[in-house]
Amino acid sequence: MKNIAVNIVRGILVVLSKLPLKFHYFMGDVFAWMARVVFRYRYDVVMINLSRSFPDRKYKDLQAVARDFYRHLGEIAAEAIWFSGSNYRRLYESGIVTVTNPEDFNELFLSTPSMTVLSTHCGNWELLGGFLGYRTSTGVKVALEEDQIRVVYKQLTNPVADEVFKRNRASALEIVGTSCEIESMNILRHAVANRDKRKVYIFPTDQHPYTKAAKHPIGEFMHQQTNVMLGSVGLACRLSHSVMYLKMKRVERGRYEMTLIPMCVNASEMKQEDLMRKYYDLLQEEINETPANWLWTHKRWK
């Protein structure tokens, strides 16, 4: 039954993906307006998060950020549908994502056993699996083989939705015949078993600690006391990975710039808390630069 439902949903997405991207952006704008004005989808959560994160800003300014955020959320949905299924070839050809500093990534990646990349819910995080095929601003190719990318994800409660999202994200690598998704509960086993193979592990790192996860305070982040999970940096420290911060800036509609910022060469030489603090400092800098670019609907502070 699950496979039937997944195939039906995937089939619908493939059909919809054949429509022009402009149409999907139009529908994304409609969706954003409905979510913000009609259904007020988590609008209170968004405004509370914004007001606490930017205590010096006026209410009208925060409303403007919220409006831009919902519009961006609609764009993410539009892009995810348009690039779904076999249409991920258009993802590479469209140039929607440009890697700005491939040389920095290549130098660090090729000089260390493996790499942990700490990502955020900035830009369009649904497009992370396509890292291998994106254009670069300098023309230098990213030094990755087709089986070296692993994107870590948290399994969704709904099994159908989980499988649909997983296939949609991983299909960014279907061009080279590779699956890149690893569930968070399995990542440690997988990384240890493949410790002799150079890989890149991309971790979404800005969530509130899961119910069963240990909570570690790191002090203030966006003017609020914040608890974090240390699983991503814990893996990096245990296996002596290099670590980079993935910044994904929305430049304009349909255009993102991905920059990888080196955080350390050997995580085993750093404390996990210090490494995570460094990550949140970089994230705070990115959010202050482009406030509407982050996912404000999640309850980051509980």
Protein backbone atom coordinates (compact mmCIF):
# COMPACT_ATOMS: atom_id res chain seq x y z
CA MET A 1 0.00 0.00 0.00
CA LYS A 2 2.83 2.38 0.88
CA ASN A 3 4.62 1.77 -2.43
CA ILE A 4 1.40 2.34 -4.36
CA ALA A 5 0.79 5.66 -2.61
CA VAL A 6 4.40 6.74 -3.12
CA ASN A 7 4.27 5.88 -6.82
CA ILE A 8 1.01 7.81 -7.25
CA VAL A 9 2.42 10.92 -5.58
CA ARG A 10 5.68 10.64 -7.49
CA GLY A 11 3.74 10.21 -10.73
CA ILE A 12 1.77 13.39 -10.05
CA LEU A 13 5.01 15.27 -9.31
CA VAL A 14 6.60 14.09 -12.54
CA VAL A 15 3.56 15.28 -14.52
CA LEU A 16 3.53 18.65 -12.74
CA SER A 17 7.27 19.05 -13.26
CA LYS A 18 6.70 19.28 -17.01
CA LEU A 19 4.93 22.61 -16.56
CA PRO A 20 7.06 25.80 -16.95
CA LEU A 21 8.97 27.02 -13.91
CA LYS A 22 7.23 30.40 -14.19
CA PHE A 23 3.92 28.63 -13.64
CA HIS A 24 5.27 26.94 -10.50
CA TYR A 25 6.58 30.26 -9.18
CA PHE A 26 3.14 31.78 -9.76
CA MET A 27 1.52 28.93 -7.86
CA GLY A 28 4.21 29.29 -5.19
CA ASP A 29 3.22 32.94 -4.74
CA VAL A 30 -0.43 31.91 -4.40
CA PHE A 31 0.54 29.24 -1.88
CA ALA A 32 2.64 31.75 0.08
CA TRP A 33 -0.21 34.28 0.23
CA MET A 34 -2.70 31.60 1.30
CA ALA A 35 -0.33 30.28 3.97
CA ARG A 36 0.38 33.75 5.37
CA VAL A 37 -2.96 35.55 5.02
CA VAL A 38 -5.72 32.94 4.82
CA PHE A 39 -4.51 29.94 6.84
CA ARG A 40 -2.00 31.90 8.94
CA TYR A 41 0.26 28.84 8.83
CA ARG A 42 2.46 29.13 11.92
CA TYR A 43 2.33 32.90 11.53
CA ASP A 44 2.42 33.43 15.29
CA VAL A 45 5.51 31.23 15.54
CA VAL A 46 7.19 33.19 12.75
CA MET A 47 6.46 36.57 14.32
CA ILE A 48 7.51 35.45 17.81
CA ASN A 49 10.78 34.05 16.45
CA LEU A 50 11.45 37.23 14.47
CA SER A 51 10.60 39.61 17.31
CA ARG A 52 12.87 37.78 19.74
CA SER A 53 15.67 37.43 17.20
CA PHE A 54 15.55 41.10 16.14
CA PRO A 55 14.46 42.96 19.30
CA ASP A 56 15.54 46.35 17.90
CA ARG A 57 13.43 46.15 14.74
CA LYS A 58 10.02 47.76 14.36
CA TYR A 59 6.93 45.62 13.97
CA LYS A 60 6.40 46.75 10.37
CA ASP A 61 9.94 45.71 9.51
CA LEU A 62 9.34 42.27 11.01
CA GLN A 63 6.11 41.94 9.03
CA ALA A 64 8.06 42.70 5.85
CA VAL A 65 10.60 40.00 6.70
CA ALA A 66 7.74 37.55 7.36
CA ARG A 67 6.14 38.39 4.01
CA ASP A 68 9.43 37.81 2.19
CA PHE A 69 9.97 34.58 4.12
CA TYR A 70 6.60 33.11 3.09
CA ARG A 71 7.27 34.10 -0.52
CA HIS A 72 10.61 32.31 -0.30
CA LEU A 73 8.87 29.26 1.16
CA GLY A 74 6.61 29.20 -1.88
CA GLU A 75 9.65 29.37 -4.14
CA ILE A 76 11.21 26.37 -2.40
CA ALA A 77 8.06 24.33 -3.04
CA ALA A 78 7.93 25.49 -6.67
CA GLU A 79 11.57 24.56 -7.31
CA ALA A 80 11.25 21.20 -5.58
CA ILE A 81 8.31 20.25 -7.83
CA TRP A 82 9.89 21.54 -11.05
CA PHE A 83 13.13 19.64 -10.43
CA SER A 84 11.47 16.44 -9.23
CA GLY A 85 11.96 13.03 -10.81
CA SER A 86 13.86 12.85 -14.06
CA ASN A 87 13.89 16.63 -14.38
CA TYR A 88 16.92 17.06 -12.16
CA ARG A 89 18.98 17.35 -15.34
CA ARG A 90 17.33 20.75 -15.67
CA LEU A 91 18.60 21.53 -12.18
CA TYR A 92 22.18 21.42 -13.42
CA GLU A 93 21.52 23.06 -16.77
CA SER A 94 19.49 25.92 -15.28
CA GLY A 95 22.36 27.19 -13.16
CA ILE A 96 20.01 27.77 -10.24
CA VAL A 97 22.84 27.03 -7.79
CA THR A 98 26.42 28.25 -8.20
CA VAL A 99 29.28 27.10 -5.95
CA THR A 100 31.36 30.22 -5.33
CA ASN A 101 34.58 28.74 -3.92
CA PRO A 102 35.27 25.24 -5.28
CA GLU A 103 39.02 25.69 -4.74
CA ASP A 104 38.60 26.07 -0.97
CA PHE A 105 36.42 22.98 -0.85
CA ASN A 106 38.77 20.91 -3.00
CA GLU A 107 41.87 21.83 -1.03
CA LEU A 108 40.38 20.84 2.31
CA PHE A 109 38.47 17.80 1.08
CA LEU A 110 41.42 16.22 -0.72
CA SER A 111 43.78 16.72 2.23
CA THR A 112 41.66 15.03 4.92
CA PRO A 113 40.18 11.54 5.45
CA SER A 114 36.58 12.75 5.02
CA MET A 115 34.56 15.90 5.51
CA THR A 116 31.54 16.91 7.56
CA VAL A 117 29.53 19.80 6.08
CA LEU A 118 27.20 21.56 8.50
CA SER A 119 24.23 22.91 6.56
CA THR A 120 21.27 25.05 7.58
CA HIS A 121 17.67 25.68 6.58
CA CYS A 122 18.78 28.65 4.52
CA GLY A 123 18.32 28.93 0.79
CA ASN A 124 16.70 25.82 -0.70
CA TRP A 125 17.88 22.89 1.39
CA GLU A 126 15.96 20.49 -0.86
CA LEU A 127 18.68 20.97 -3.48
CA LEU A 128 21.68 19.87 -1.40
CA GLY A 129 21.90 16.43 -3.00
CA GLY A 130 22.77 18.00 -6.36
CA PHE A 131 26.07 19.37 -5.11
CA LEU A 132 28.05 17.22 -7.54
CA GLY A 133 26.60 18.76 -10.69
CA TYR A 134 26.35 22.47 -9.85
CA ARG A 135 28.22 25.10 -11.77
CA THR A 136 31.04 27.00 -10.11
CA SER A 137 31.79 30.71 -10.36
CA THR A 138 35.44 30.06 -11.33
CA GLY A 139 34.96 27.15 -13.72
CA VAL A 140 36.91 24.80 -11.44
CA LYS A 141 35.00 21.58 -10.87
CA VAL A 142 34.16 20.33 -7.40
CA ALA A 143 36.54 17.43 -6.69
CA LEU A 144 33.91 14.84 -5.88
CA GLU A 145 33.24 11.40 -7.29
CA GLU A 146 29.67 10.25 -7.79
CA ASP A 147 29.54 8.03 -4.69
CA GLN A 148 31.13 10.41 -2.19
CA ILE A 149 28.13 12.54 -1.13
CA ARG A 150 25.89 11.58 1.80
CA VAL A 151 23.06 13.87 2.89
CA VAL A 152 21.81 13.09 6.40
CA TYR A 153 18.07 13.40 7.04
CA LYS A 154 15.58 12.80 9.84
CA GLN A 155 12.90 10.26 9.00
CA LEU A 156 9.40 11.76 8.83
CA THR A 157 6.54 10.29 10.83
CA ASN A 158 4.39 9.74 7.74
CA PRO A 159 6.02 6.87 5.78
CA VAL A 160 4.60 7.98 2.43
CA ALA A 161 5.75 11.58 2.83
CA ASP A 162 9.13 10.37 4.07
CA GLU A 163 9.69 8.20 1.00
CA VAL A 164 8.49 10.88 -1.42
CA PHE A 165 10.77 13.56 0.03
CA LYS A 166 13.68 11.14 0.26
CA ARG A 167 13.40 10.10 -3.38
CA ASN A 168 12.93 13.67 -4.53
CA ARG A 169 16.05 14.87 -2.73
CA ALA A 170 18.17 11.87 -3.67
CA SER A 171 17.11 11.95 -7.31
CA ALA A 172 19.48 14.88 -7.76
CA LEU A 173 22.10 12.17 -8.20
CA GLU A 174 20.05 9.84 -10.35
CA ILE A 175 21.97 11.18 -13.32
CA VAL A 176 25.03 9.32 -12.04
CA GLY A 177 23.04 6.42 -10.64
CA THR A 178 23.73 7.08 -6.97
CA SER A 179 21.58 7.39 -3.86
CA CYS A 180 22.90 9.93 -1.36
CA GLU A 181 20.37 9.93 1.51
CA ILE A 182 21.28 8.45 4.91
CA GLU A 183 18.84 8.44 7.84
CA SER A 184 20.31 10.10 10.95
CA MET A 185 19.94 6.96 13.07
CA ASN A 186 22.15 5.05 10.63
CA ILE A 187 24.81 7.63 9.88
CA LEU A 188 27.30 6.65 12.61
CA ARG A 189 27.29 3.00 11.56
CA HIS A 190 27.65 3.97 7.92
CA ALA A 191 30.48 6.46 8.55
CA VAL A 192 32.47 4.03 10.72
CA ALA A 193 32.04 1.22 8.18
CA ASN A 194 33.29 3.56 5.43
CA ARG A 195 35.95 5.40 7.40
CA ASP A 196 38.64 4.30 4.91
CA LYS A 197 36.73 5.94 2.03
CA ARG A 198 36.82 9.69 1.48
CA LYS A 199 33.27 11.06 1.66
CA VAL A 200 31.33 14.24 2.37
CA TYR A 201 28.60 14.04 5.01
CA ILE A 202 26.12 16.93 4.81
CA PHE A 203 24.25 17.45 8.10
CA PRO A 204 21.28 19.79 8.60
CA THR A 205 22.37 21.22 11.93
CA ASP A 206 20.04 24.02 13.02
CA GLN A 207 17.11 22.00 14.40
CA HIS A 208 15.95 22.05 17.99
CA PRO A 209 17.14 18.86 19.75
CA TYR A 210 14.89 15.90 19.04
CA THR A 211 12.77 14.51 21.89
CA LYS A 212 15.16 11.65 22.68
CA ALA A 213 18.35 13.58 21.89
CA ALA A 214 20.64 15.05 24.54
CA LYS A 215 20.36 18.82 24.83
CA HIS A 216 23.55 20.89 25.06
CA PRO A 217 23.38 24.63 25.90
CA ILE A 218 25.69 26.87 23.84
CA GLY A 219 24.66 30.27 25.19
CA GLU A 220 22.95 32.93 23.11
CA PHE A 221 22.00 32.53 19.47
CA MET A 222 19.88 35.29 17.91
CA HIS A 223 19.48 36.89 21.37
CA GLN A 224 18.06 33.68 22.87
CA GLN A 225 19.49 30.92 25.03
CA THR A 226 19.82 27.92 22.75
CA ASN A 227 20.13 24.16 23.16
CA VAL A 228 21.72 22.09 20.41
CA MET A 229 22.46 18.51 19.35
CA LEU A 230 26.12 17.51 18.99
CA GLY A 231 25.69 14.43 16.79
CA SER A 232 27.11 15.99 13.63
CA VAL A 233 30.24 17.45 15.23
CA GLY A 234 30.54 14.38 17.46
CA LEU A 235 30.91 12.23 14.35
CA ALA A 236 33.45 14.66 12.89
CA CYS A 237 35.50 14.67 16.08
CA ARG A 238 35.43 10.91 16.43
CA LEU A 239 36.58 10.25 12.85
CA SER A 240 38.95 13.23 12.49
CA HIS A 241 36.95 14.87 9.71
CA SER A 242 37.56 18.32 8.35
CA VAL A 243 34.51 20.55 8.83
CA MET A 244 32.96 23.22 6.63
CA TYR A 245 29.95 25.48 7.01
CA LEU A 246 27.58 25.52 4.03
CA LYS A 247 26.16 28.94 3.31
CA MET A 248 23.34 29.00 0.76
CA LYS A 249 22.38 32.55 -0.10
CA ARG A 250 19.29 33.39 -2.15
CA VAL A 251 20.52 36.05 -4.57
CA GLU A 252 17.22 36.42 -6.42
CA ARG A 253 14.32 34.27 -7.54
CA GLY A 254 15.73 31.12 -9.13
CA ARG A 255 19.33 31.85 -8.19
CA TYR A 256 21.33 30.68 -5.17
CA GLU A 257 25.00 30.97 -4.27
CA MET A 258 26.54 28.16 -2.26
CA THR A 259 29.71 28.99 -0.33
CA LEU A 260 31.62 26.50 1.82
CA ILE A 261 33.44 28.13 4.73
CA PRO A 262 36.28 26.13 6.39
CA MET A 263 35.76 25.63 10.13
CA CYS A 264 38.59 23.25 10.99
CA VAL A 265 41.05 20.83 9.38
CA ASN A 266 40.83 18.13 12.04
CA ALA A 267 37.76 18.10 14.28
CA SER A 268 39.39 15.69 16.75
CA GLU A 269 41.60 18.58 17.86
CA MET A 270 38.60 20.66 18.93
CA LYS A 271 35.93 20.37 21.58
CA GLN A 272 32.50 19.53 20.20
CA GLU A 273 30.91 22.49 22.01
CA ASP A 274 33.47 24.93 20.58
CA LEU A 275 32.92 23.63 17.07
CA MET A 276 29.15 23.93 17.41
CA ARG A 277 29.48 27.44 18.84
CA LYS A 278 31.52 28.41 15.79
CA TYR A 279 28.79 26.98 13.56
CA TYR A 280 26.05 29.02 15.26
CA ASP A 281 28.14 32.19 15.03
CA LEU A 282 28.36 31.67 11.26
CA LEU A 283 24.64 30.89 11.05
CA GLN A 284 23.77 34.04 12.99
CA GLU A 285 25.91 36.08 10.62
CA GLU A 286 24.10 34.56 7.63
CA ILE A 287 20.65 35.16 9.11
CA ASN A 288 21.47 38.80 9.90
CA GLU A 289 22.62 39.23 6.30
CA THR A 290 19.47 37.72 4.72
CA PRO A 291 16.74 37.34 7.40
CA ALA A 292 13.99 36.03 5.12
CA ASN A 293 16.26 33.24 3.89
CA TRP A 294 15.98 31.08 7.05
CA LEU A 295 13.17 28.70 8.05
CA TRP A 296 11.28 30.73 10.67
CA THR A 297 8.28 28.39 10.98
CA HIS A 298 10.07 25.78 13.05
CA LYS A 299 10.05 26.05 16.83
CA ARG A 300 13.77 26.49 17.24
CA TRP A 301 13.52 27.64 20.83
CA LYS A 302 11.23 25.61 23.13
